[in-house]
PDB file of N, CA and C in Angstrom:
ATOM      1  N   UNK A   1     -28.381 -20.073  -7.425  1.00  0.00           N
ATOM      2  CA  UNK A   1     -28.802 -18.810  -6.566  1.00  0.00           C
ATOM      3  C   UNK A   1     -28.006 -17.592  -6.526  1.00  0.00           C
ATOM      4  N   UNK A   2     -28.775 -16.831  -6.655  1.00  0.00           N
ATOM      5  CA  UNK A   2     -27.282 -15.462  -6.860  1.00  0.00           C
ATOM      6  C   UNK A   2     -26.067 -15.259  -5.163  1.00  0.00           C
ATOM      7  N   UNK A   3     -25.214 -14.447  -6.442  1.00  0.00           N
ATOM      8  CA  UNK A   3     -23.969 -14.382  -5.812  1.00  0.00           C
ATOM      9  C   UNK A   3     -24.846 -13.994  -4.585  1.00  0.00           C
ATOM     10  N   UNK A   4     -25.642 -12.190  -4.877  1.00  0.00           N
ATOM     11  CA  UNK A   4     -25.959 -11.367  -4.509  1.00  0.00           C
ATOM     12  C   UNK A   4     -26.829 -11.996  -2.991  1.00  0.00           C
ATOM     13  N   UNK A   5     -27.410 -12.563  -2.687  1.00  0.00           N
ATOM     14  CA  UNK A   5     -28.232 -13.551  -2.105  1.00  0.00           C
ATOM     15  C   UNK A   5     -27.437 -14.405  -1.257  1.00  0.00           C
ATOM     16  N   UNK A   6     -26.304 -14.780  -1.855  1.00  0.00           N
ATOM     17  CA  UNK A   6     -25.538 -16.056  -1.211  1.00  0.00           C
ATOM     18  C   UNK A   6     -24.864 -14.873  -0.478  1.00  0.00           C
ATOM     19  N   UNK A   7     -24.078 -14.191  -0.234  1.00  0.00           N
ATOM     20  CA  UNK A   7     -23.275 -13.234  -0.185  1.00  0.00           C
ATOM     21  C   UNK A   7     -23.700 -11.871   1.662  1.00  0.00           C
ATOM     22  N   UNK A   8     -25.193 -12.107   0.738  1.00  0.00           N
ATOM     23  CA  UNK A   8     -26.408 -11.754   2.523  1.00  0.00           C
ATOM     24  C   UNK A   8     -26.131 -12.356   3.448  1.00  0.00           C
ATOM     25  N   UNK A   9     -26.823 -13.778   3.006  1.00  0.00           N
ATOM     26  CA  UNK A   9     -26.900 -14.587   4.056  1.00  0.00           C
ATOM     27  C   UNK A   9     -25.415 -15.544   4.632  1.00  0.00           C
ATOM     28  N   UNK A  10     -24.157 -15.099   4.265  1.00  0.00           N
ATOM     29  CA  UNK A  10     -23.191 -15.750   4.534  1.00  0.00           C
ATOM     30  C   UNK A  10     -22.563 -14.991   5.809  1.00  0.00           C
ATOM     31  N   UNK A  11     -22.481 -13.106   5.343  1.00  0.00           N
ATOM     32  CA  UNK A  11     -22.637 -11.719   6.021  1.00  0.00           C
ATOM     33  C   UNK A  11     -23.582 -12.540   7.660  1.00  0.00           C
ATOM     34  N   UNK A  12     -24.834 -12.288   6.642  1.00  0.00           N
ATOM     35  CA  UNK A  12     -25.898 -12.517   7.981  1.00  0.00           C
ATOM     36  C   UNK A  12     -25.199 -14.006   8.861  1.00  0.00           C
ATOM     37  N   UNK A  13     -25.315 -15.377   8.374  1.00  0.00           N
ATOM     38  CA  UNK A  13     -24.925 -15.642  10.089  1.00  0.00           C
ATOM     39  C   UNK A  13     -23.861 -16.532   9.881  1.00  0.00           C
ATOM     40  N   UNK A  14     -22.695 -16.559   9.067  1.00  0.00           N
ATOM     41  CA  UNK A  14     -21.659 -16.792   8.696  1.00  0.00           C
ATOM     42  C   UNK A  14     -19.807 -15.800   9.592  1.00  0.00           C
ATOM     43  N   UNK A  15     -20.871 -14.789   8.949  1.00  0.00           N
ATOM     44  CA  UNK A  15     -19.925 -13.630   9.524  1.00  0.00           C
ATOM     45  C   UNK A  15     -19.785 -13.638  10.960  1.00  0.00           C
ATOM     46  N   UNK A  16     -20.804 -13.503  11.873  1.00  0.00           N
ATOM     47  CA  UNK A  16     -21.236 -13.348  13.757  1.00  0.00           C
ATOM     48  C   UNK A  16     -19.848 -14.731  14.215  1.00  0.00           C
ATOM     49  N   UNK A  17     -19.925 -16.348  13.773  1.00  0.00           N
ATOM     50  CA  UNK A  17     -19.357 -17.084  14.071  1.00  0.00           C
ATOM     51  C   UNK A  17     -17.847 -16.112  13.477  1.00  0.00           C
ATOM     52  N   UNK A  18     -17.424 -17.122  12.243  1.00  0.00           N
ATOM     53  CA  UNK A  18     -16.269 -15.896  12.094  1.00  0.00           C
ATOM     54  C   UNK A  18     -15.895 -15.239  13.424  1.00  0.00           C
ATOM     55  N   UNK A  19     -16.717 -14.547  13.484  1.00  0.00           N
ATOM     56  CA  UNK A  19     -15.652 -13.278  14.107  1.00  0.00           C
ATOM     57  C   UNK A  19     -16.462 -13.789  15.844  1.00  0.00           C
ATOM     58  N   UNK A  20     -17.221 -14.268  16.789  1.00  0.00           N
ATOM     59  CA  UNK A  20     -17.424 -15.264  18.215  1.00  0.00           C
ATOM     60  C   UNK A  20     -16.276 -14.402  18.690  1.00  0.00           C
ATOM     61  N   UNK A  21     -16.670 -14.036  19.770  1.00  0.00           N
ATOM     62  CA  UNK A  21     -14.841 -13.448  20.963  1.00  0.00           C
ATOM     63  C   UNK A  21     -14.065 -12.824  19.968  1.00  0.00           C
ATOM     64  N   UNK A  22     -14.532 -11.852  19.882  1.00  0.00           N
ATOM     65  CA  UNK A  22     -12.904 -11.486  18.618  1.00  0.00           C
ATOM     66  C   UNK A  22     -13.519 -10.065  19.928  1.00  0.00           C
ATOM     67  N   UNK A  23     -14.290  -9.658  20.051  1.00  0.00           N
ATOM     68  CA  UNK A  23     -14.368  -8.718  20.626  1.00  0.00           C
ATOM     69  C   UNK A  23     -14.259  -7.843  21.466  1.00  0.00           C
ATOM     70  N   UNK A  24     -13.845  -9.192  22.383  1.00  0.00           N
ATOM     71  CA  UNK A  24     -12.876  -9.345  23.519  1.00  0.00           C
ATOM     72  C   UNK A  24     -12.204  -9.749  24.054  1.00  0.00           C
ATOM     73  N   UNK A  25     -11.006 -10.020  23.372  1.00  0.00           N
ATOM     74  CA  UNK A  25      -9.994 -10.526  23.016  1.00  0.00           C
ATOM     75  C   UNK A  25      -8.750 -10.046  22.177  1.00  0.00           C
ATOM     76  N   UNK A  26      -8.009  -9.784  22.952  1.00  0.00           N
ATOM     77  CA  UNK A  26      -6.228  -9.542  22.092  1.00  0.00           C
ATOM     78  C   UNK A  26      -6.235 -10.245  20.599  1.00  0.00           C
ATOM     79  N   UNK A  27      -6.089  -9.569  19.876  1.00  0.00           N
ATOM     80  CA  UNK A  27      -5.583 -11.005  18.395  1.00  0.00           C
ATOM     81  C   UNK A  27      -4.636 -10.529  17.638  1.00  0.00           C
ATOM     82  N   UNK A  28      -2.755 -11.259  17.245  1.00  0.00           N
ATOM     83  CA  UNK A  28      -2.441 -11.434  17.663  1.00  0.00           C
ATOM     84  C   UNK A  28      -2.165 -11.287  16.072  1.00  0.00           C
ATOM     85  N   UNK A  29      -1.667 -10.367  15.620  1.00  0.00           N
ATOM     86  CA  UNK A  29      -1.885 -10.281  13.738  1.00  0.00           C
ATOM     87  C   UNK A  29      -1.525 -11.431  12.906  1.00  0.00           C
ATOM     88  N   UNK A  30      -1.251 -12.350  12.760  1.00  0.00           N
ATOM     89  CA  UNK A  30      -1.095 -13.306  12.712  1.00  0.00           C
ATOM     90  C   UNK A  30      -2.322 -14.486  12.495  1.00  0.00           C
ATOM     91  N   UNK A  31      -3.556 -14.608  13.613  1.00  0.00           N
ATOM     92  CA  UNK A  31      -5.371 -14.649  14.058  1.00  0.00           C
ATOM     93  C   UNK A  31      -5.455 -13.807  12.851  1.00  0.00           C
ATOM     94  N   UNK A  32      -4.921 -12.619  13.120  1.00  0.00           N
ATOM     95  CA  UNK A  32      -6.078 -11.376  11.608  1.00  0.00           C
ATOM     96  C   UNK A  32      -6.042 -11.937  10.290  1.00  0.00           C
ATOM     97  N   UNK A  33      -5.527 -12.005  10.290  1.00  0.00           N
ATOM     98  CA  UNK A  33      -4.403 -13.118   9.258  1.00  0.00           C
ATOM     99  C   UNK A  33      -5.216 -14.537   8.668  1.00  0.00           C
ATOM    100  N   UNK A  34      -4.920 -15.525   9.632  1.00  0.00           N
ATOM    101  CA  UNK A  34      -5.861 -16.178   9.752  1.00  0.00           C
ATOM    102  C   UNK A  34      -7.380 -15.814   9.152  1.00  0.00           C
ATOM    103  N   UNK A  35      -8.310 -14.845  10.553  1.00  0.00           N
ATOM    104  CA  UNK A  35      -9.426 -14.952   9.169  1.00  0.00           C
ATOM    105  C   UNK A  35      -9.643 -13.355   8.537  1.00  0.00           C
ATOM    106  N   UNK A  36      -8.932 -14.139   7.559  1.00  0.00           N
ATOM    107  CA  UNK A  36      -9.033 -12.287   7.177  1.00  0.00           C
ATOM    108  C   UNK A  36      -9.222 -13.676   5.281  1.00  0.00           C
ATOM    109  N   UNK A  37      -7.725 -14.728   6.089  1.00  0.00           N
ATOM    110  CA  UNK A  37      -7.610 -15.272   4.706  1.00  0.00           C
ATOM    111  C   UNK A  37      -9.126 -16.699   3.944  1.00  0.00           C
ATOM    112  N   UNK A  38      -9.757 -16.423   5.378  1.00  0.00           N
ATOM    113  CA  UNK A  38     -11.077 -17.006   5.922  1.00  0.00           C
ATOM    114  C   UNK A  38     -12.495 -17.004   5.592  1.00  0.00           C
ATOM    115  N   UNK A  39     -11.694 -15.978   5.196  1.00  0.00           N
ATOM    116  CA  UNK A  39     -13.426 -14.877   4.698  1.00  0.00           C
ATOM    117  C   UNK A  39     -13.131 -14.776   3.082  1.00  0.00           C
ATOM    118  N   UNK A  40     -11.797 -13.820   2.955  1.00  0.00           N
ATOM    119  CA  UNK A  40     -11.220 -13.733   1.578  1.00  0.00           C
ATOM    120  C   UNK A  40     -11.624 -15.500   0.464  1.00  0.00           C
ATOM    121  N   UNK A  41     -11.591 -16.979   1.488  1.00  0.00           N
ATOM    122  CA  UNK A  41     -11.173 -17.404   0.994  1.00  0.00           C
ATOM    123  C   UNK A  41     -13.375 -17.708   0.402  1.00  0.00           C
ATOM    124  N   UNK A  42     -14.146 -17.445   0.504  1.00  0.00           N
ATOM    125  CA  UNK A  42     -15.612 -17.144   0.170  1.00  0.00           C
ATOM    126  C   UNK A  42     -15.606 -16.387  -0.676  1.00  0.00           C
ATOM    127  N   UNK A  43     -15.504 -15.168  -0.907  1.00  0.00           N
ATOM    128  CA  UNK A  43     -15.060 -14.700  -2.440  1.00  0.00           C
ATOM    129  C   UNK A  43     -14.441 -15.331  -3.548  1.00  0.00           C
ATOM    130  N   UNK A  44     -13.240 -16.501  -3.307  1.00  0.00           N
ATOM    131  CA  UNK A  44     -12.025 -16.808  -4.678  1.00  0.00           C
ATOM    132  C   UNK A  44     -13.801 -18.496  -4.784  1.00  0.00           C
ATOM    133  N   UNK A  45     -14.527 -18.829  -3.976  1.00  0.00           N
ATOM    134  CA  UNK A  45     -15.489 -19.703  -4.189  1.00  0.00           C
ATOM    135  C   UNK A  45     -16.182 -19.246  -4.357  1.00  0.00           C
ATOM    136  N   UNK A  46     -17.206 -18.453  -4.555  1.00  0.00           N
ATOM    137  CA  UNK A  46     -18.844 -17.766  -4.943  1.00  0.00           C
ATOM    138  C   UNK A  46     -17.864 -17.231  -6.092  1.00  0.00           C
ATOM    139  N   UNK A  47     -17.240 -15.987  -6.066  1.00  0.00           N
ATOM    140  CA  UNK A  47     -16.964 -15.069  -7.777  1.00  0.00           C
ATOM    141  C   UNK A  47     -15.673 -15.995  -8.907  1.00  0.00           C
ATOM    142  N   UNK A  48     -15.079 -17.122  -8.205  1.00  0.00           N
ATOM    143  CA  UNK A  48     -14.274 -17.572  -9.206  1.00  0.00           C
ATOM    144  C   UNK A  48     -13.231 -16.862  -8.896  1.00  0.00           C
ATOM    145  N   UNK A  49     -12.848 -16.290  -8.519  1.00  0.00           N
ATOM    146  CA  UNK A  49     -12.233 -14.837  -8.340  1.00  0.00           C
ATOM    147  C   UNK A  49     -10.430 -16.203  -7.956  1.00  0.00           C
ATOM    148  N   UNK A  50      -9.977 -14.961  -8.110  1.00  0.00           N
ATOM    149  CA  UNK A  50      -7.896 -16.493  -8.073  1.00  0.00           C
ATOM    150  C   UNK A  50      -7.440 -15.053  -7.321  1.00  0.00           C
ATOM    151  N   UNK A  51      -6.839 -13.428  -7.939  1.00  0.00           N
ATOM    152  CA  UNK A  51      -5.968 -12.754  -7.545  1.00  0.00           C
ATOM    153  C   UNK A  51      -7.487 -11.571  -6.180  1.00  0.00           C
ATOM    154  N   UNK A  52      -6.607 -11.415  -5.442  1.00  0.00           N
ATOM    155  CA  UNK A  52      -6.825 -10.719  -4.060  1.00  0.00           C
ATOM    156  C   UNK A  52      -7.126  -9.085  -4.706  1.00  0.00           C
ATOM    157  N   UNK A  53      -6.034  -8.181  -5.831  1.00  0.00           N
ATOM    158  CA  UNK A  53      -7.292  -7.801  -5.992  1.00  0.00           C
ATOM    159  C   UNK A  53      -8.527  -8.106  -6.665  1.00  0.00           C
ATOM    160  N   UNK A  54      -8.844  -8.604  -7.202  1.00  0.00           N
ATOM    161  CA  UNK A  54      -9.690  -8.845  -7.360  1.00  0.00           C
ATOM    162  C   UNK A  54     -10.794  -8.606  -6.779  1.00  0.00           C
ATOM    163  N   UNK A  55     -10.353  -9.784  -5.119  1.00  0.00           N
ATOM    164  CA  UNK A  55     -11.104 -10.071  -4.441  1.00  0.00           C
ATOM    165  C   UNK A  55     -11.287  -8.584  -3.886  1.00  0.00           C
ATOM    166  N   UNK A  56     -10.136  -7.529  -3.645  1.00  0.00           N
ATOM    167  CA  UNK A  56     -10.548  -6.328  -2.756  1.00  0.00           C
ATOM    168  C   UNK A  56     -11.958  -5.679  -3.577  1.00  0.00           C
ATOM    169  N   UNK A  57     -12.123  -5.587  -5.375  1.00  0.00           N
ATOM    170  CA  UNK A  57     -12.624  -4.384  -5.603  1.00  0.00           C
ATOM    171  C   UNK A  57     -13.501  -5.625  -5.438  1.00  0.00           C
ATOM    172  N   UNK A  58     -14.168  -6.442  -5.521  1.00  0.00           N
ATOM    173  CA  UNK A  58     -15.705  -7.400  -5.136  1.00  0.00           C
ATOM    174  C   UNK A  58     -16.579  -6.910  -3.619  1.00  0.00           C
ATOM    175  N   UNK A  59     -14.860  -6.431  -2.634  1.00  0.00           N
ATOM    176  CA  UNK A  59     -15.578  -6.339  -1.563  1.00  0.00           C
ATOM    177  C   UNK A  59     -16.090  -4.818  -1.541  1.00  0.00           C
ATOM    178  N   UNK A  60     -15.115  -4.414  -2.280  1.00  0.00           N
ATOM    179  CA  UNK A  60     -15.036  -2.755  -2.194  1.00  0.00           C
ATOM    180  C   UNK A  60     -16.959  -2.306  -2.652  1.00  0.00           C
ATOM    181  N   UNK A  61     -17.479  -3.302  -3.646  1.00  0.00           N
ATOM    182  CA  UNK A  61     -18.160  -2.966  -5.018  1.00  0.00           C
ATOM    183  C   UNK A  61     -19.301  -3.424  -4.024  1.00  0.00           C
ATOM    184  N   UNK A  62     -19.248  -3.732  -2.834  1.00  0.00           N
ATOM    185  CA  UNK A  62     -20.137  -5.497  -1.581  1.00  0.00           C
ATOM    186  C   UNK A  62     -20.226  -4.539  -0.644  1.00  0.00           C
ATOM    187  N   UNK A  63     -19.351  -3.227  -0.605  1.00  0.00           N
ATOM    188  CA  UNK A  63     -19.529  -2.214   0.579  1.00  0.00           C
ATOM    189  C   UNK A  63     -19.238  -2.794   2.390  1.00  0.00           C
ATOM    190  N   UNK A  64     -18.145  -4.303   2.007  1.00  0.00           N
ATOM    191  CA  UNK A  64     -17.732  -4.940   2.892  1.00  0.00           C
ATOM    192  C   UNK A  64     -16.428  -4.535   3.343  1.00  0.00           C
ATOM    193  N   UNK A  65     -16.664  -4.232   5.505  1.00  0.00           N
ATOM    194  CA  UNK A  65     -15.609  -3.678   5.390  1.00  0.00           C
ATOM    195  C   UNK A  65     -14.858  -4.716   6.153  1.00  0.00           C
ATOM    196  N   UNK A  66     -13.432  -4.795   6.094  1.00  0.00           N
ATOM    197  CA  UNK A  66     -12.824  -5.757   6.189  1.00  0.00           C
ATOM    198  C   UNK A  66     -12.072  -5.975   7.627  1.00  0.00           C
ATOM    199  N   UNK A  67     -11.994  -8.008   7.162  1.00  0.00           N
ATOM    200  CA  UNK A  67     -12.382  -8.360   8.742  1.00  0.00           C
ATOM    201  C   UNK A  67     -11.239  -7.319   9.790  1.00  0.00           C
ATOM    202  N   UNK A  68      -9.560  -6.678   9.800  1.00  0.00           N
ATOM    203  CA  UNK A  68      -8.967  -6.177  10.323  1.00  0.00           C
ATOM    204  C   UNK A  68     -10.094  -4.664  11.065  1.00  0.00           C
ATOM    205  N   UNK A  69     -10.425  -4.117  10.021  1.00  0.00           N
ATOM    206  CA  UNK A  69     -11.256  -3.198  10.601  1.00  0.00           C
ATOM    207  C   UNK A  69     -13.265  -3.397  11.899  1.00  0.00           C
ATOM    208  N   UNK A  70     -13.729  -4.301  11.219  1.00  0.00           N
ATOM    209  CA  UNK A  70     -15.115  -4.881  12.076  1.00  0.00           C
ATOM    210  C   UNK A  70     -14.151  -5.600  13.286  1.00  0.00           C
ATOM    211  N   UNK A  71     -12.992  -6.522  13.480  1.00  0.00           N
ATOM    212  CA  UNK A  71     -12.784  -7.058  14.588  1.00  0.00           C
ATOM    213  C   UNK A  71     -12.364  -5.217  15.872  1.00  0.00           C
ATOM    214  N   UNK A  72     -12.007  -4.596  15.137  1.00  0.00           N
ATOM    215  CA  UNK A  72     -11.415  -3.365  15.606  1.00  0.00           C
ATOM    216  C   UNK A  72     -12.328  -2.054  15.700  1.00  0.00           C
ATOM    217  N   UNK A  73     -13.869  -2.428  14.692  1.00  0.00           N
ATOM    218  CA  UNK A  73     -15.302  -1.716  15.434  1.00  0.00           C
ATOM    219  C   UNK A  73     -16.020  -2.624  16.551  1.00  0.00           C
ATOM    220  N   UNK A  74     -15.158  -3.677  16.552  1.00  0.00           N
ATOM    221  CA  UNK A  74     -16.852  -4.574  17.692  1.00  0.00           C
ATOM    222  C   UNK A  74     -15.250  -4.025  18.789  1.00  0.00           C
ATOM    223  N   UNK A  75     -13.898  -4.401  18.628  1.00  0.00           N
ATOM    224  CA  UNK A  75     -13.796  -4.196  19.861  1.00  0.00           C
ATOM    225  C   UNK A  75     -13.801  -3.277  20.514  1.00  0.00           C
ATOM    226  N   UNK A  76     -13.820  -2.039  19.837  1.00  0.00           N
ATOM    227  CA  UNK A  76     -14.161  -0.766  20.044  1.00  0.00           C
ATOM    228  C   UNK A  76     -15.884  -0.369  21.222  1.00  0.00           C
ATOM    229  N   UNK A  77     -16.454  -1.216  20.441  1.00  0.00           N
ATOM    230  CA  UNK A  77     -17.736  -0.751  20.893  1.00  0.00           C
ATOM    231  C   UNK A  77     -18.127  -1.620  22.234  1.00  0.00           C
ATOM    232  N   UNK A  78     -17.164  -2.440  21.961  1.00  0.00           N
ATOM    233  CA  UNK A  78     -17.191  -3.394  23.542  1.00  0.00           C
ATOM    234  C   UNK A  78     -17.034  -2.958  24.496  1.00  0.00           C
ATOM    235  N   UNK A  79     -15.141  -2.033  24.414  1.00  0.00           N
ATOM    236  CA  UNK A  79     -14.830  -1.288  25.466  1.00  0.00           C
ATOM    237  C   UNK A  79     -15.888  -0.811  26.417  1.00  0.00           C
ATOM    238  N   UNK A  80     -16.280   0.532  24.779  1.00  0.00           N
ATOM    239  CA  UNK A  80     -17.770   1.383  24.904  1.00  0.00           C
ATOM    240  C   UNK A  80     -18.097   1.194  26.197  1.00  0.00           C
ATOM    241  N   UNK A  81     -18.811  -0.120  25.647  1.00  0.00           N
ATOM    242  CA  UNK A  81     -20.310  -0.588  26.658  1.00  0.00           C
ATOM    243  C   UNK A  81     -19.527  -1.121  28.552  1.00  0.00           C
ATOM    244  N   UNK A  82     -18.379  -2.251  27.530  1.00  0.00           N
ATOM    245  CA  UNK A  82     -18.006  -2.039  29.028  1.00  0.00           C
ATOM    246  C   UNK A  82     -17.845  -0.974  30.288  1.00  0.00           C
ATOM    247  N   UNK A  83     -17.220   0.311  29.949  1.00  0.00           N
ATOM    248  CA  UNK A  83     -17.438   1.072  30.550  1.00  0.00           C
ATOM    249  C   UNK A  83     -18.779   1.698  30.899  1.00  0.00           C
ATOM    250  N   UNK A  84     -19.594   1.187  30.213  1.00  0.00           N
ATOM    251  CA  UNK A  84     -20.774   1.118  30.518  1.00  0.00           C
ATOM    252  C   UNK A  84     -21.423   1.224  31.657  1.00  0.00           C
ATOM    253  N   UNK A  85     -21.614   0.258  32.428  1.00  0.00           N
ATOM    254  CA  UNK A  85     -21.551  -0.772  32.951  1.00  0.00           C
ATOM    255  C   UNK A  85     -20.898  -0.424  34.592  1.00  0.00           C
ATOM    256  N   UNK A  86     -21.987   0.127  35.096  1.00  0.00           N
ATOM    257  CA  UNK A  86     -21.743   0.375  36.692  1.00  0.00           C
ATOM    258  C   UNK A  86     -21.291  -1.254  37.561  1.00  0.00           C
ATOM    259  N   UNK A  87     -20.454  -1.638  37.620  1.00  0.00           N
ATOM    260  CA  UNK A  87     -20.135  -3.644  37.897  1.00  0.00           C
ATOM    261  C   UNK A  87     -19.045  -2.821  38.519  1.00  0.00           C
ATOM    262  N   UNK A  88     -18.345  -2.965  39.866  1.00  0.00           N
ATOM    263  CA  UNK A  88     -17.666  -1.765  40.313  1.00  0.00           C
ATOM    264  C   UNK A  88     -16.118  -3.904  39.947  1.00  0.00           C
ATOM    265  N   UNK A  89     -16.668  -4.999  39.764  1.00  0.00           N
ATOM    266  CA  UNK A  89     -16.142  -5.768  38.708  1.00  0.00           C
ATOM    267  C   UNK A  89     -15.198  -5.146  37.804  1.00  0.00           C
ATOM    268  N   UNK A  90     -16.695  -4.877  36.816  1.00  0.00           N
ATOM    269  CA  UNK A  90     -15.808  -4.542  35.556  1.00  0.00           C
ATOM    270  C   UNK A  90     -14.755  -3.131  35.724  1.00  0.00           C
ATOM    271  N   UNK A  91     -15.200  -2.350  36.801  1.00  0.00           N
ATOM    272  CA  UNK A  91     -13.761  -0.799  36.098  1.00  0.00           C
ATOM    273  C   UNK A  91     -13.338  -1.786  36.805  1.00  0.00           C
ATOM    274  N   UNK A  92     -13.310  -2.048  37.649  1.00  0.00           N
ATOM    275  CA  UNK A  92     -11.262  -2.653  38.251  1.00  0.00           C
ATOM    276  C   UNK A  92     -10.373  -3.377  37.120  1.00  0.00           C
ATOM    277  N   UNK A  93     -11.925  -4.368  37.040  1.00  0.00           N
ATOM    278  CA  UNK A  93     -10.586  -5.473  35.728  1.00  0.00           C
ATOM    279  C   UNK A  93     -10.081  -4.442  34.113  1.00  0.00           C
ATOM    280  N   UNK A  94     -10.893  -3.003  34.245  1.00  0.00           N
ATOM    281  CA  UNK A  94     -10.262  -2.516  32.175  1.00  0.00           C
ATOM    282  C   UNK A  94      -9.307  -1.870  33.753  1.00  0.00           C
ATOM    283  N   UNK A  95      -9.113  -1.130  35.268  1.00  0.00           N
ATOM    284  CA  UNK A  95      -8.071   0.122  34.953  1.00  0.00           C
ATOM    285  C   UNK A  95      -6.980  -1.299  35.217  1.00  0.00           C
ATOM    286  N   UNK A  96      -6.897  -2.413  35.214  1.00  0.00           N
ATOM    287  CA  UNK A  96      -6.146  -3.147  34.805  1.00  0.00           C
ATOM    288  C   UNK A  96      -4.916  -3.719  33.585  1.00  0.00           C
ATOM    289  N   UNK A  97      -6.472  -4.123  32.442  1.00  0.00           N
ATOM    290  CA  UNK A  97      -5.577  -3.829  31.117  1.00  0.00           C
ATOM    291  C   UNK A  97      -5.729  -2.460  31.010  1.00  0.00           C
TER     292      UNK A  97
END
């Protein structure tokens, strides 16, 4: 199978599962590093790339957003959507955090 097709399928089906719930909970650096390592492992296997520089280059070529940036983007979107809700309970919770 073509590597580009495989990466598209992995991005479509696996990445959301890997990052499920990351938008609504704060993550420490260790967890983000573990998720990043898991994601990079896909590139190591699929493209037979052994060095992080090679993996980073492939990810840039494929316009793949980094895991930390993706988590930050999802958290910002979650907070923005939560602020739009007309629920007094959610507003109370947002003021606590």
